C-alpha atoms as a PDB file:
ATOM      1  CA  MET A   1     267.457 138.570  91.638  1.00  0.00           C
ATOM      2  CA  ALA A   2     270.075 136.747  89.957  1.00  0.00           C
ATOM      3  CA  ASP A   3     272.253 138.523  87.378  1.00  0.00           C
ATOM      4  CA  SER A   4     271.865 136.992  83.846  1.00  0.00           C
ATOM      5  CA  VAL A   5     275.354 136.484  82.162  1.00  0.00           C
ATOM      6  CA  ALA A   6     275.514 136.233  78.448  1.00  0.00           C
ATOM      7  CA  PHE A   7     278.218 134.063  77.184  1.00  0.00           C
ATOM      8  CA  ASP A   8     279.794 134.952  73.912  1.00  0.00           C
ATOM      9  CA  HIS A   9     280.872 131.803  72.171  1.00  0.00           C
ATOM     10  CA  ALA A  10     283.644 132.174  69.614  1.00  0.00           C
ATOM     11  CA  PRO A  11     282.633 130.984  66.236  1.00  0.00           C
ATOM     12  CA  GLU A  12     283.904 127.560  65.429  1.00  0.00           C
ATOM     13  CA  PRO A  13     286.919 127.554  63.101  1.00  0.00           C
ATOM     14  CA  PRO A  14     286.022 126.080  59.591  1.00  0.00           C
ATOM     15  CA  LEU A  15     286.719 122.461  59.095  1.00  0.00           C
ATOM     16  CA  VAL A  16     290.468 121.892  58.023  1.00  0.00           C
ATOM     17  CA  ARG A  17     290.813 118.952  55.756  1.00  0.00           C
ATOM     18  CA  ARG A  18     294.029 117.277  56.367  1.00  0.00           C
ATOM     19  CA  PHE A  19     295.772 115.043  53.853  1.00  0.00           C
ATOM     20  CA  GLY A  20     298.592 112.535  54.527  1.00  0.00           C
ATOM     21  CA  ALA A  21     301.417 113.528  56.875  1.00  0.00           C
ATOM     22  CA  GLY A  22     299.006 115.851  58.563  1.00  0.00           C
ATOM     23  CA  LEU A  23     299.135 118.482  55.831  1.00  0.00           C
ATOM     24  CA  SER A  24     296.183 120.814  55.442  1.00  0.00           C
ATOM     25  CA  GLU A  25     294.709 121.745  52.071  1.00  0.00           C
ATOM     26  CA  ALA A  26     295.972 125.168  52.657  1.00  0.00           C
ATOM     27  CA  GLU A  27     299.475 123.981  53.217  1.00  0.00           C
ATOM     28  CA  VAL A  28     299.399 121.872  50.057  1.00  0.00           C
ATOM     29  CA  ARG A  29     298.109 124.735  48.149  1.00  0.00           C
ATOM     30  CA  ARG A  30     300.898 126.956  49.459  1.00  0.00           C
ATOM     31  CA  PHE A  31     303.353 124.245  48.334  1.00  0.00           C
ATOM     32  CA  GLN A  32     301.641 124.453  44.875  1.00  0.00           C
ATOM     33  CA  THR A  33     302.179 128.129  44.662  1.00  0.00           C
ATOM     34  CA  ILE A  34     305.860 127.761  45.749  1.00  0.00           C
ATOM     35  CA  LEU A  35     306.451 125.158  43.035  1.00  0.00           C
ATOM     36  CA  GLU A  36     304.946 127.330  40.349  1.00  0.00           C
ATOM     37  CA  ARG A  37     306.878 130.536  41.301  1.00  0.00           C
ATOM     38  CA  GLU A  38     310.116 129.014  42.039  1.00  0.00           C
ATOM     39  CA  CYS A  39     310.299 126.126  39.679  1.00  0.00           C
ATOM     40  CA  GLY A  40     307.666 126.910  36.918  1.00  0.00           C
ATOM     41  CA  VAL A  41     306.007 123.625  37.665  1.00  0.00           C
ATOM     42  CA  SER A  42     302.057 123.653  37.865  1.00  0.00           C
ATOM     43  CA  LEU A  43     300.684 120.566  39.623  1.00  0.00           C
ATOM     44  CA  SER A  44     297.114 119.529  40.359  1.00  0.00           C
ATOM     45  CA  LEU A  45     296.233 119.345  44.139  1.00  0.00           C
ATOM     46  CA  PRO A  46     296.628 115.469  44.239  1.00  0.00           C
ATOM     47  CA  GLU A  47     300.058 115.647  42.557  1.00  0.00           C
ATOM     48  CA  ALA A  48     301.219 118.443  44.820  1.00  0.00           C
ATOM     49  CA  TRP A  49     300.116 116.376  47.728  1.00  0.00           C
ATOM     50  CA  GLY A  50     302.031 113.424  46.601  1.00  0.00           C
ATOM     51  CA  ARG A  51     305.115 115.635  46.076  1.00  0.00           C
ATOM     52  CA  ALA A  52     304.791 117.318  49.472  1.00  0.00           C
ATOM     53  CA  ILE A  53     304.656 113.836  51.217  1.00  0.00           C
ATOM     54  CA  ALA A  54     307.749 112.723  49.357  1.00  0.00           C
ATOM     55  CA  LEU A  55     309.616 115.912  50.287  1.00  0.00           C
ATOM     56  CA  LEU A  56     308.735 115.566  53.985  1.00  0.00           C
ATOM     57  CA  ALA A  57     309.712 111.988  53.870  1.00  0.00           C
ATOM     58  CA  LEU A  58     313.167 112.899  52.475  1.00  0.00           C
ATOM     59  CA  VAL A  59     313.779 115.752  55.017  1.00  0.00           C
ATOM     60  CA  GLU A  60     312.794 113.348  57.661  1.00  0.00           C
ATOM     61  CA  MET A  61     315.239 110.691  56.479  1.00  0.00           C
ATOM     62  CA  LEU A  62     318.055 113.257  56.157  1.00  0.00           C
ATOM     63  CA  LEU A  63     317.416 114.637  59.770  1.00  0.00           C
ATOM     64  CA  GLN A  64     317.185 111.169  61.177  1.00  0.00           C
ATOM     65  CA  GLY A  65     320.391 110.162  59.368  1.00  0.00           C
ATOM     66  CA  HIS A  66     322.190 113.215  61.143  1.00  0.00           C
ATOM     67  CA  GLY A  67     320.643 112.490  64.556  1.00  0.00           C
ATOM     68  CA  ALA A  68     318.669 115.701  64.422  1.00  0.00           C
ATOM     69  CA  MET A  69     315.437 113.769  64.456  1.00  0.00           C
ATOM     70  CA  PRO A  70     314.458 110.614  66.295  1.00  0.00           C
ATOM     71  CA  ALA A  71     313.920 107.517  64.199  1.00  0.00           C
ATOM     72  CA  ALA A  72     310.305 106.015  64.288  1.00  0.00           C
ATOM     73  CA  GLY A  73     309.431 104.694  67.728  1.00  0.00           C
ATOM     74  CA  GLU A  74     312.067 106.827  69.316  1.00  0.00           C
ATOM     75  CA  SER A  75     311.892 110.145  70.932  1.00  0.00           C
ATOM     76  CA  PHE A  76     314.148 112.924  72.375  1.00  0.00           C
ATOM     77  CA  ALA A  77     313.496 113.274  76.096  1.00  0.00           C
ATOM     78  CA  GLU A  78     313.885 117.001  76.062  1.00  0.00           C
ATOM     79  CA  PHE A  79     311.018 117.385  73.640  1.00  0.00           C
ATOM     80  CA  ALA A  80     308.771 114.594  75.078  1.00  0.00           C
ATOM     81  CA  HIS A  81     305.408 115.651  76.465  1.00  0.00           C
ATOM     82  CA  PRO A  82     304.716 114.641  79.994  1.00  0.00           C
ATOM     83  CA  ARG A  83     302.464 111.634  80.204  1.00  0.00           C
ATOM     84  CA  SER A  84     299.203 111.997  81.982  1.00  0.00           C
END
């Protein structure tokens, strides 16, 4: 007689809504909280999303300018994922 095996399936994670630049709604809401606490600025979700995108673009530009991040279309060999 074969043993029956019960498989426990982990519940699927809730859908994560992603905004531009790969930001999740939770990340944008955290950014909203930081802006309010540190700067006294209250932004709607779409406004916070736009500001977060602009901030990420600025940081990316600064890092690329100092050679700490590859420019678009380039990659650092030591951080590259092996190709399959």
